[in-house]
Amino acid sequence: TITAVENRSTGYQWQVTKNTCGSRVTLQKDDYIAHPTYNGDRKWSKTYGSGGKRTWIFSTPSEASNHIRGLPCEIMFQYQRPWIKEEAPAEDQRKVIVTVQ
């Protein structure tokens, strides 16, 4: 499970840009939940511009599968507007190294 803060109201979102893991690490769920904000009078709502949390859930093969184990692979993420084709600056990129045992 990987979680990141995201503010879709500005157009920015995290994207998986590379997954060298192949079938060893597959995406099962991609979910975004907006942060609730207090609007007074004891009311909470999901206000435009308040941002939220993005969660990806990945799965790995069972022990009985015929996969090579112990070799690291990478999942790359970048935070940018999806319609921008240039690569995001280094500070808006993250690499997760995964080793399936």
PDB file of N, CA and C in Angstrom:
ATOM      1  N   THR A   1       0.850  -1.175   0.000  1.00  0.00           N
ATOM      2  CA  THR A   1       0.000   0.000   0.000  1.00  0.00           C
ATOM      3  C   THR A   1       0.889   1.229   0.000  1.00  0.00           C
ATOM      4  N   ILE A   2       0.609   2.163  -0.903  1.00  0.00           N
ATOM      5  CA  ILE A   2       1.343   3.425  -0.992  1.00  0.00           C
ATOM      6  C   ILE A   2       0.326   4.550  -0.919  1.00  0.00           C
ATOM      7  N   THR A   3       0.613   5.555  -0.078  1.00  0.00           N
ATOM      8  CA  THR A   3      -0.297   6.681   0.120  1.00  0.00           C
ATOM      9  C   THR A   3       0.447   7.983  -0.121  1.00  0.00           C
ATOM     10  N   ALA A   4      -0.219   8.945  -0.766  1.00  0.00           N
ATOM     11  CA  ALA A   4       0.376  10.258  -1.031  1.00  0.00           C
ATOM     12  C   ALA A   4      -0.693  11.342  -0.908  1.00  0.00           C
ATOM     13  N   VAL A   5      -0.260  12.537  -0.507  1.00  0.00           N
ATOM     14  CA  VAL A   5      -1.153  13.695  -0.443  1.00  0.00           C
ATOM     15  C   VAL A   5      -1.274  14.262  -1.850  1.00  0.00           C
ATOM     16  N   GLU A   6      -2.483  14.640  -2.231  1.00  0.00           N
ATOM     17  CA  GLU A   6      -2.765  15.103  -3.590  1.00  0.00           C
ATOM     18  C   GLU A   6      -3.853  16.162  -3.543  1.00  0.00           C
ATOM     19  N   ASN A   7      -3.783  17.144  -4.450  1.00  0.00           N
ATOM     20  CA  ASN A   7      -4.825  18.168  -4.525  1.00  0.00           C
ATOM     21  C   ASN A   7      -5.339  18.242  -5.952  1.00  0.00           C
ATOM     22  N   ARG A   8      -6.319  17.451  -6.263  1.00  0.00           N
ATOM     23  CA  ARG A   8      -6.855  17.381  -7.622  1.00  0.00           C
ATOM     24  C   ARG A   8      -7.559  18.659  -8.056  1.00  0.00           C
ATOM     25  N   SER A   9      -7.983  19.479  -7.106  1.00  0.00           N
ATOM     26  CA  SER A   9      -8.693  20.702  -7.494  1.00  0.00           C
ATOM     27  C   SER A   9      -7.777  21.664  -8.242  1.00  0.00           C
ATOM     28  N   THR A  10      -6.469  21.497  -8.117  1.00  0.00           N
ATOM     29  CA  THR A  10      -5.519  22.334  -8.849  1.00  0.00           C
ATOM     30  C   THR A  10      -5.082  21.664 -10.149  1.00  0.00           C
ATOM     31  N   GLY A  11      -5.568  20.465 -10.397  1.00  0.00           N
ATOM     32  CA  GLY A  11      -5.203  19.724 -11.601  1.00  0.00           C
ATOM     33  C   GLY A  11      -4.044  18.773 -11.389  1.00  0.00           C
ATOM     34  N   TYR A  12      -3.346  18.907 -10.273  1.00  0.00           N
ATOM     35  CA  TYR A  12      -2.190  18.037 -10.016  1.00  0.00           C
ATOM     36  C   TYR A  12      -2.642  16.714  -9.422  1.00  0.00           C
ATOM     37  N   GLN A  13      -1.970  15.663  -9.866  1.00  0.00           N
ATOM     38  CA  GLN A  13      -2.219  14.353  -9.288  1.00  0.00           C
ATOM     39  C   GLN A  13      -0.999  13.467  -9.483  1.00  0.00           C
ATOM     40  N   TRP A  14      -0.873  12.478  -8.610  1.00  0.00           N
ATOM     41  CA  TRP A  14       0.208  11.511  -8.726  1.00  0.00           C
ATOM     42  C   TRP A  14      -0.143  10.507  -9.817  1.00  0.00           C
ATOM     43  N   GLN A  15       0.858  10.149 -10.604  1.00  0.00           N
ATOM     44  CA  GLN A  15       0.676   9.163 -11.662  1.00  0.00           C
ATOM     45  C   GLN A  15       1.778   8.117 -11.564  1.00  0.00           C
ATOM     46  N   VAL A  16       1.425   6.864 -11.815  1.00  0.00           N
ATOM     47  CA  VAL A  16       2.437   5.821 -11.934  1.00  0.00           C
ATOM     48  C   VAL A  16       2.996   5.970 -13.350  1.00  0.00           C
ATOM     49  N   THR A  17       4.292   6.262 -13.452  1.00  0.00           N
ATOM     50  CA  THR A  17       4.896   6.492 -14.759  1.00  0.00           C
ATOM     51  C   THR A  17       5.725   5.315 -15.239  1.00  0.00           C
ATOM     52  N   LYS A  18       6.089   4.429 -14.302  1.00  0.00           N
ATOM     53  CA  LYS A  18       6.908   3.286 -14.689  1.00  0.00           C
ATOM     54  C   LYS A  18       6.733   2.196 -13.638  1.00  0.00           C
ATOM     55  N   ASN A  19       6.614   0.955 -14.103  1.00  0.00           N
ATOM     56  CA  ASN A  19       6.538  -0.189 -13.199  1.00  0.00           C
ATOM     57  C   ASN A  19       7.355  -1.310 -13.827  1.00  0.00           C
ATOM     58  N   THR A  20       8.578  -1.489 -13.338  1.00  0.00           N
ATOM     59  CA  THR A  20       9.448  -2.538 -13.880  1.00  0.00           C
ATOM     60  C   THR A  20       9.198  -3.891 -13.220  1.00  0.00           C
ATOM     61  N   CYS A  21       8.213  -3.954 -12.343  1.00  0.00           N
ATOM     62  CA  CYS A  21       7.937  -5.179 -11.593  1.00  0.00           C
ATOM     63  C   CYS A  21       7.122  -6.193 -12.395  1.00  0.00           C
ATOM     64  N   GLY A  22       6.467  -5.737 -13.449  1.00  0.00           N
ATOM     65  CA  GLY A  22       5.643  -6.654 -14.233  1.00  0.00           C
ATOM     66  C   GLY A  22       4.566  -7.300 -13.397  1.00  0.00           C
ATOM     67  N   SER A  23       4.380  -8.596 -13.571  1.00  0.00           N
ATOM     68  CA  SER A  23       3.308  -9.294 -12.857  1.00  0.00           C
ATOM     69  C   SER A  23       3.668  -9.609 -11.409  1.00  0.00           C
ATOM     70  N   ARG A  24       4.889  -9.278 -10.976  1.00  0.00           N
ATOM     71  CA  ARG A  24       5.268  -9.508  -9.574  1.00  0.00           C
ATOM     72  C   ARG A  24       4.582  -8.521  -8.637  1.00  0.00           C
ATOM     73  N   VAL A  25       4.250  -7.317  -9.143  1.00  0.00           N
ATOM     74  CA  VAL A  25       3.575  -6.296  -8.336  1.00  0.00           C
ATOM     75  C   VAL A  25       2.517  -5.661  -9.229  1.00  0.00           C
ATOM     76  N   THR A  26       1.251  -5.984  -8.983  1.00  0.00           N
ATOM     77  CA  THR A  26       0.177  -5.472  -9.839  1.00  0.00           C
ATOM     78  C   THR A  26      -0.772  -4.585  -9.038  1.00  0.00           C
ATOM     79  N   LEU A  27      -1.254  -3.556  -9.706  1.00  0.00           N
ATOM     80  CA  LEU A  27      -2.176  -2.611  -9.078  1.00  0.00           C
ATOM     81  C   LEU A  27      -3.544  -3.253  -8.908  1.00  0.00           C
ATOM     82  N   GLN A  28      -4.045  -3.254  -7.668  1.00  0.00           N
ATOM     83  CA  GLN A  28      -5.357  -3.815  -7.374  1.00  0.00           C
ATOM     84  C   GLN A  28      -6.406  -2.735  -7.139  1.00  0.00           C
ATOM     85  N   LYS A  29      -5.974  -1.592  -6.550  1.00  0.00           N
ATOM     86  CA  LYS A  29      -6.934  -0.540  -6.228  1.00  0.00           C
ATOM     87  C   LYS A  29      -6.224   0.809  -6.243  1.00  0.00           C
ATOM     88  N   ASP A  30      -6.912   1.817  -6.772  1.00  0.00           N
ATOM     89  CA  ASP A  30      -6.418   3.193  -6.817  1.00  0.00           C
ATOM     90  C   ASP A  30      -7.564   4.063  -6.324  1.00  0.00           C
ATOM     91  N   ASP A  31      -7.387   4.715  -5.168  1.00  0.00           N
ATOM     92  CA  ASP A  31      -8.486   5.430  -4.528  1.00  0.00           C
ATOM     93  C   ASP A  31      -8.048   6.829  -4.120  1.00  0.00           C
ATOM     94  N   TYR A  32      -8.942   7.797  -4.262  1.00  0.00           N
ATOM     95  CA  TYR A  32      -8.698   9.169  -3.836  1.00  0.00           C
ATOM     96  C   TYR A  32      -9.827   9.592  -2.914  1.00  0.00           C
ATOM     97  N   ILE A  33      -9.466  10.144  -1.751  1.00  0.00           N
ATOM     98  CA  ILE A  33     -10.460  10.637  -0.796  1.00  0.00           C
ATOM     99  C   ILE A  33     -10.113  12.076  -0.475  1.00  0.00           C
ATOM    100  N   ALA A  34     -11.056  12.998  -0.725  1.00  0.00           N
ATOM    101  CA  ALA A  34     -10.845  14.411  -0.417  1.00  0.00           C
ATOM    102  C   ALA A  34     -10.857  14.619   1.085  1.00  0.00           C
ATOM    103  N   HIS A  35      -9.968  15.519   1.568  1.00  0.00           N
ATOM    104  CA  HIS A  35      -9.954  15.861   2.991  1.00  0.00           C
ATOM    105  C   HIS A  35     -11.224  16.616   3.344  1.00  0.00           C
ATOM    106  N   PRO A  36     -11.882  16.235   4.403  1.00  0.00           N
ATOM    107  CA  PRO A  36     -13.036  17.031   4.838  1.00  0.00           C
ATOM    108  C   PRO A  36     -12.560  18.330   5.501  1.00  0.00           C
ATOM    109  N   THR A  37     -13.307  19.384   5.348  1.00  0.00           N
ATOM    110  CA  THR A  37     -12.988  20.658   5.991  1.00  0.00           C
ATOM    111  C   THR A  37     -14.198  21.119   6.793  1.00  0.00           C
ATOM    112  N   TYR A  38     -13.913  21.876   7.838  1.00  0.00           N
ATOM    113  CA  TYR A  38     -14.964  22.352   8.722  1.00  0.00           C
ATOM    114  C   TYR A  38     -15.580  23.624   8.147  1.00  0.00           C
ATOM    115  N   ASN A  39     -16.888  23.615   7.972  1.00  0.00           N
ATOM    116  CA  ASN A  39     -17.606  24.764   7.409  1.00  0.00           C
ATOM    117  C   ASN A  39     -18.378  25.545   8.462  1.00  0.00           C
ATOM    118  N   GLY A  40     -18.106  25.319   9.711  1.00  0.00           N
ATOM    119  CA  GLY A  40     -18.834  26.008  10.779  1.00  0.00           C
ATOM    120  C   GLY A  40     -20.140  25.295  11.092  1.00  0.00           C
ATOM    121  N   ASP A  41     -20.765  25.676  12.161  1.00  0.00           N
ATOM    122  CA  ASP A  41     -22.060  25.119  12.547  1.00  0.00           C
ATOM    123  C   ASP A  41     -22.016  23.589  12.645  1.00  0.00           C
ATOM    124  N   ARG A  42     -20.853  23.059  13.068  1.00  0.00           N
ATOM    125  CA  ARG A  42     -20.649  21.612  13.243  1.00  0.00           C
ATOM    126  C   ARG A  42     -20.884  20.810  11.965  1.00  0.00           C
ATOM    127  N   LYS A  43     -20.552  21.382  10.822  1.00  0.00           N
ATOM    128  CA  LYS A  43     -20.728  20.681   9.539  1.00  0.00           C
ATOM    129  C   LYS A  43     -19.369  20.485   8.871  1.00  0.00           C
ATOM    130  N   TRP A  44     -19.157  19.292   8.396  1.00  0.00           N
ATOM    131  CA  TRP A  44     -17.935  18.955   7.661  1.00  0.00           C
ATOM    132  C   TRP A  44     -18.314  18.645   6.226  1.00  0.00           C
ATOM    133  N   SER A  45     -17.485  19.079   5.282  1.00  0.00           N
ATOM    134  CA  SER A  45     -17.747  18.756   3.882  1.00  0.00           C
ATOM    135  C   SER A  45     -16.427  18.631   3.143  1.00  0.00           C
ATOM    136  N   LYS A  46     -16.503  18.140   1.935  1.00  0.00           N
ATOM    137  CA  LYS A  46     -15.326  18.028   1.072  1.00  0.00           C
ATOM    138  C   LYS A  46     -15.278  19.277   0.207  1.00  0.00           C
ATOM    139  N   THR A  47     -14.531  20.264   0.684  1.00  0.00           N
ATOM    140  CA  THR A  47     -14.497  21.574   0.061  1.00  0.00           C
ATOM    141  C   THR A  47     -13.508  21.620  -1.095  1.00  0.00           C
ATOM    142  N   TYR A  48     -13.887  22.301  -2.156  1.00  0.00           N
ATOM    143  CA  TYR A  48     -13.019  22.520  -3.303  1.00  0.00           C
ATOM    144  C   TYR A  48     -11.726  23.177  -2.843  1.00  0.00           C
ATOM    145  N   GLY A  49     -10.599  22.636  -3.265  1.00  0.00           N
ATOM    146  CA  GLY A  49      -9.309  23.205  -2.927  1.00  0.00           C
ATOM    147  C   GLY A  49      -8.680  22.667  -1.659  1.00  0.00           C
ATOM    148  N   SER A  50      -9.342  21.746  -0.969  1.00  0.00           N
ATOM    149  CA  SER A  50      -8.808  21.266   0.311  1.00  0.00           C
ATOM    150  C   SER A  50      -7.849  20.094   0.149  1.00  0.00           C
ATOM    151  N   GLY A  51      -7.746  19.533  -1.037  1.00  0.00           N
ATOM    152  CA  GLY A  51      -6.836  18.419  -1.257  1.00  0.00           C
ATOM    153  C   GLY A  51      -7.391  17.115  -0.720  1.00  0.00           C
ATOM    154  N   GLY A  52      -6.529  16.100  -0.709  1.00  0.00           N
ATOM    155  CA  GLY A  52      -6.966  14.797  -0.244  1.00  0.00           C
ATOM    156  C   GLY A  52      -5.823  13.813  -0.187  1.00  0.00           C
ATOM    157  N   LYS A  53      -6.187  12.539  -0.150  1.00  0.00           N
ATOM    158  CA  LYS A  53      -5.219  11.469  -0.008  1.00  0.00           C
ATOM    159  C   LYS A  53      -5.446  10.438  -1.101  1.00  0.00           C
ATOM    160  N   ARG A  54      -4.384  10.054  -1.779  1.00  0.00           N
ATOM    161  CA  ARG A  54      -4.439   9.038  -2.825  1.00  0.00           C
ATOM    162  C   ARG A  54      -3.785   7.777  -2.297  1.00  0.00           C
ATOM    163  N   THR A  55      -4.433   6.638  -2.488  1.00  0.00           N
ATOM    164  CA  THR A  55      -3.905   5.366  -2.006  1.00  0.00           C
ATOM    165  C   THR A  55      -3.930   4.346  -3.133  1.00  0.00           C
ATOM    166  N   TRP A  56      -2.792   3.707  -3.335  1.00  0.00           N
ATOM    167  CA  TRP A  56      -2.685   2.604  -4.285  1.00  0.00           C
ATOM    168  C   TRP A  56      -2.451   1.334  -3.482  1.00  0.00           C
ATOM    169  N   ILE A  57      -3.156   0.281  -3.855  1.00  0.00           N
ATOM    170  CA  ILE A  57      -2.934  -1.023  -3.230  1.00  0.00           C
ATOM    171  C   ILE A  57      -2.435  -1.960  -4.323  1.00  0.00           C
ATOM    172  N   PHE A  58      -1.252  -2.502  -4.099  1.00  0.00           N
ATOM    173  CA  PHE A  58      -0.639  -3.433  -5.035  1.00  0.00           C
ATOM    174  C   PHE A  58      -0.673  -4.834  -4.437  1.00  0.00           C
ATOM    175  N   SER A  59      -0.678  -5.841  -5.296  1.00  0.00           N
ATOM    176  CA  SER A  59      -0.620  -7.217  -4.807  1.00  0.00           C
ATOM    177  C   SER A  59       0.612  -7.902  -5.387  1.00  0.00           C
ATOM    178  N   THR A  60       1.055  -8.935  -4.696  1.00  0.00           N
ATOM    179  CA  THR A  60       2.187  -9.743  -5.138  1.00  0.00           C
ATOM    180  C   THR A  60       1.711 -11.181  -5.324  1.00  0.00           C
ATOM    181  N   PRO A  61       2.450 -11.966  -6.083  1.00  0.00           N
ATOM    182  CA  PRO A  61       2.003 -13.344  -6.336  1.00  0.00           C
ATOM    183  C   PRO A  61       2.062 -14.205  -5.079  1.00  0.00           C
ATOM    184  N   SER A  62       1.273 -15.254  -5.098  1.00  0.00           N
ATOM    185  CA  SER A  62       1.268 -16.182  -3.954  1.00  0.00           C
ATOM    186  C   SER A  62       2.579 -16.962  -3.924  1.00  0.00           C
ATOM    187  N   GLU A  63       2.827 -17.624  -2.810  1.00  0.00           N
ATOM    188  CA  GLU A  63       4.046 -18.421  -2.671  1.00  0.00           C
ATOM    189  C   GLU A  63       4.111 -19.554  -3.693  1.00  0.00           C
ATOM    190  N   ALA A  64       2.963 -20.012  -4.163  1.00  0.00           N
ATOM    191  CA  ALA A  64       2.923 -21.125  -5.107  1.00  0.00           C
ATOM    192  C   ALA A  64       3.196 -20.693  -6.551  1.00  0.00           C
ATOM    193  N   SER A  65       3.264 -19.389  -6.808  1.00  0.00           N
ATOM    194  CA  SER A  65       3.456 -18.928  -8.186  1.00  0.00           C
ATOM    195  C   SER A  65       4.892 -19.177  -8.652  1.00  0.00           C
ATOM    196  N   ASN A  66       5.065 -19.170  -9.943  1.00  0.00           N
ATOM    197  CA  ASN A  66       6.361 -19.429 -10.556  1.00  0.00           C
ATOM    198  C   ASN A  66       7.030 -18.105 -10.938  1.00  0.00           C
ATOM    199  N   HIS A  67       7.324 -17.263  -9.951  1.00  0.00           N
ATOM    200  CA  HIS A  67       7.960 -15.966 -10.175  1.00  0.00           C
ATOM    201  C   HIS A  67       9.365 -15.970  -9.595  1.00  0.00           C
ATOM    202  N   ILE A  68      10.252 -15.218 -10.216  1.00  0.00           N
ATOM    203  CA  ILE A  68      11.593 -15.041  -9.659  1.00  0.00           C
ATOM    204  C   ILE A  68      11.457 -14.164  -8.425  1.00  0.00           C
ATOM    205  N   ARG A  69      12.077 -14.563  -7.355  1.00  0.00           N
ATOM    206  CA  ARG A  69      11.963 -13.834  -6.088  1.00  0.00           C
ATOM    207  C   ARG A  69      13.317 -13.243  -5.691  1.00  0.00           C
ATOM    208  N   GLY A  70      13.258 -12.182  -4.897  1.00  0.00           N
ATOM    209  CA  GLY A  70      14.475 -11.590  -4.364  1.00  0.00           C
ATOM    210  C   GLY A  70      15.139 -10.550  -5.244  1.00  0.00           C
ATOM    211  N   LEU A  71      14.605 -10.286  -6.428  1.00  0.00           N
ATOM    212  CA  LEU A  71      15.171  -9.258  -7.303  1.00  0.00           C
ATOM    213  C   LEU A  71      14.389  -7.966  -7.151  1.00  0.00           C
ATOM    214  N   PRO A  72      15.069  -6.853  -6.890  1.00  0.00           N
ATOM    215  CA  PRO A  72      14.347  -5.585  -6.735  1.00  0.00           C
ATOM    216  C   PRO A  72      13.790  -5.082  -8.066  1.00  0.00           C
ATOM    217  N   CYS A  73      12.689  -4.370  -7.977  1.00  0.00           N
ATOM    218  CA  CYS A  73      12.094  -3.702  -9.139  1.00  0.00           C
ATOM    219  C   CYS A  73      11.623  -2.331  -8.676  1.00  0.00           C
ATOM    220  N   GLU A  74      11.223  -1.478  -9.623  1.00  0.00           N
ATOM    221  CA  GLU A  74      10.870  -0.100  -9.294  1.00  0.00           C
ATOM    222  C   GLU A  74       9.469   0.268  -9.752  1.00  0.00           C
ATOM    223  N   ILE A  75       8.815   1.087  -8.941  1.00  0.00           N
ATOM    224  CA  ILE A  75       7.573   1.745  -9.340  1.00  0.00           C
ATOM    225  C   ILE A  75       7.854   3.239  -9.216  1.00  0.00           C
ATOM    226  N   MET A  76       7.706   3.965 -10.321  1.00  0.00           N
ATOM    227  CA  MET A  76       7.984   5.407 -10.351  1.00  0.00           C
ATOM    228  C   MET A  76       6.668   6.183 -10.353  1.00  0.00           C
ATOM    229  N   PHE A  77       6.642   7.261  -9.578  1.00  0.00           N
ATOM    230  CA  PHE A  77       5.482   8.148  -9.485  1.00  0.00           C
ATOM    231  C   PHE A  77       5.937   9.563  -9.794  1.00  0.00           C
ATOM    232  N   GLN A  78       5.035  10.362 -10.400  1.00  0.00           N
ATOM    233  CA  GLN A  78       5.310  11.790 -10.532  1.00  0.00           C
ATOM    234  C   GLN A  78       4.027  12.574 -10.293  1.00  0.00           C
ATOM    235  N   TYR A  79       4.221  13.761  -9.709  1.00  0.00           N
ATOM    236  CA  TYR A  79       3.111  14.640  -9.331  1.00  0.00           C
ATOM    237  C   TYR A  79       3.054  15.781 -10.325  1.00  0.00           C
ATOM    238  N   GLN A  80       2.028  15.771 -11.177  1.00  0.00           N
ATOM    239  CA  GLN A  80       1.876  16.828 -12.165  1.00  0.00           C
ATOM    240  C   GLN A  80       0.479  16.782 -12.756  1.00  0.00           C
ATOM    241  N   ARG A  81       0.195  17.746 -13.577  1.00  0.00           N
ATOM    242  CA  ARG A  81      -1.082  17.755 -14.294  1.00  0.00           C
ATOM    243  C   ARG A  81      -0.998  16.730 -15.423  1.00  0.00           C
ATOM    244  N   PRO A  82      -2.007  15.871 -15.565  1.00  0.00           N
ATOM    245  CA  PRO A  82      -1.921  14.764 -16.522  1.00  0.00           C
ATOM    246  C   PRO A  82      -1.783  15.207 -17.983  1.00  0.00           C
ATOM    247  N   TRP A  83      -2.223  16.407 -18.326  1.00  0.00           N
ATOM    248  CA  TRP A  83      -2.141  16.842 -19.721  1.00  0.00           C
ATOM    249  C   TRP A  83      -0.763  17.418 -20.072  1.00  0.00           C
ATOM    250  N   ILE A  84       0.121  17.572 -19.101  1.00  0.00           N
ATOM    251  CA  ILE A  84       1.470  18.057 -19.370  1.00  0.00           C
ATOM    252  C   ILE A  84       2.335  16.863 -19.753  1.00  0.00           C
ATOM    253  N   LYS A  85       2.968  16.950 -20.906  1.00  0.00           N
ATOM    254  CA  LYS A  85       3.725  15.812 -21.437  1.00  0.00           C
ATOM    255  C   LYS A  85       5.175  15.770 -20.957  1.00  0.00           C
ATOM    256  N   GLU A  86       5.742  16.903 -20.536  1.00  0.00           N
ATOM    257  CA  GLU A  86       7.120  16.903 -20.064  1.00  0.00           C
ATOM    258  C   GLU A  86       7.225  16.156 -18.742  1.00  0.00           C
ATOM    259  N   GLU A  87       8.405  15.636 -18.481  1.00  0.00           N
ATOM    260  CA  GLU A  87       8.650  14.959 -17.218  1.00  0.00           C
ATOM    261  C   GLU A  87       8.613  15.970 -16.080  1.00  0.00           C
ATOM    262  N   ALA A  88       8.053  15.553 -14.959  1.00  0.00           N
ATOM    263  CA  ALA A  88       7.976  16.425 -13.779  1.00  0.00           C
ATOM    264  C   ALA A  88       9.384  16.672 -13.238  1.00  0.00           C
ATOM    265  N   PRO A  89       9.596  17.831 -12.564  1.00  0.00           N
ATOM    266  CA  PRO A  89      10.898  18.079 -11.948  1.00  0.00           C
ATOM    267  C   PRO A  89      11.220  17.010 -10.910  1.00  0.00           C
ATOM    268  N   ALA A  90      12.495  16.842 -10.609  1.00  0.00           N
ATOM    269  CA  ALA A  90      12.957  15.785  -9.693  1.00  0.00           C
ATOM    270  C   ALA A  90      12.257  15.833  -8.343  1.00  0.00           C
ATOM    271  N   GLU A  91      11.956  17.034  -7.841  1.00  0.00           N
ATOM    272  CA  GLU A  91      11.317  17.127  -6.514  1.00  0.00           C
ATOM    273  C   GLU A  91       9.872  16.637  -6.534  1.00  0.00           C
ATOM    274  N   ASP A  92       9.295  16.452  -7.725  1.00  0.00           N
ATOM    275  CA  ASP A  92       7.926  15.939  -7.844  1.00  0.00           C
ATOM    276  C   ASP A  92       7.889  14.496  -8.342  1.00  0.00           C
ATOM    277  N   GLN A  93       8.995  13.790  -8.165  1.00  0.00           N
ATOM    278  CA  GLN A  93       9.068  12.388  -8.551  1.00  0.00           C
ATOM    279  C   GLN A  93       9.462  11.544  -7.342  1.00  0.00           C
ATOM    280  N   ARG A  94       8.934  10.342  -7.302  1.00  0.00           N
ATOM    281  CA  ARG A  94       9.276   9.403  -6.232  1.00  0.00           C
ATOM    282  C   ARG A  94       9.485   8.026  -6.842  1.00  0.00           C
ATOM    283  N   LYS A  95      10.451   7.303  -6.275  1.00  0.00           N
ATOM    284  CA  LYS A  95      10.718   5.936  -6.713  1.00  0.00           C
ATOM    285  C   LYS A  95      10.530   5.016  -5.522  1.00  0.00           C
ATOM    286  N   VAL A  96       9.770   3.950  -5.707  1.00  0.00           N
ATOM    287  CA  VAL A  96       9.577   2.926  -4.677  1.00  0.00           C
ATOM    288  C   VAL A  96      10.248   1.661  -5.189  1.00  0.00           C
ATOM    289  N   ILE A  97      11.190   1.145  -4.412  1.00  0.00           N
ATOM    290  CA  ILE A  97      11.869  -0.091  -4.783  1.00  0.00           C
ATOM    291  C   ILE A  97      11.212  -1.227  -4.021  1.00  0.00           C
ATOM    292  N   VAL A  98      10.825  -2.264  -4.766  1.00  0.00           N
ATOM    293  CA  VAL A  98      10.095  -3.393  -4.195  1.00  0.00           C
ATOM    294  C   VAL A  98      10.891  -4.672  -4.431  1.00  0.00           C
ATOM    295  N   THR A  99      10.989  -5.500  -3.409  1.00  0.00           N
ATOM    296  CA  THR A  99      11.594  -6.814  -3.548  1.00  0.00           C
ATOM    297  C   THR A  99      10.600  -7.848  -3.050  1.00  0.00           C
ATOM    298  N   VAL A 100      10.162  -8.709  -3.933  1.00  0.00           N
ATOM    299  CA  VAL A 100       9.189  -9.749  -3.585  1.00  0.00           C
ATOM    300  C   VAL A 100       9.977 -10.977  -3.122  1.00  0.00           C
ATOM    301  N   GLN A 101       9.696 -11.424  -1.905  1.00  0.00           N
ATOM    302  CA  GLN A 101      10.405 -12.598  -1.335  1.00  0.00           C
ATOM    303  C   GLN A 101       9.603 -13.849  -1.500  1.00  0.00           C
TER     304      GLN A 101
END
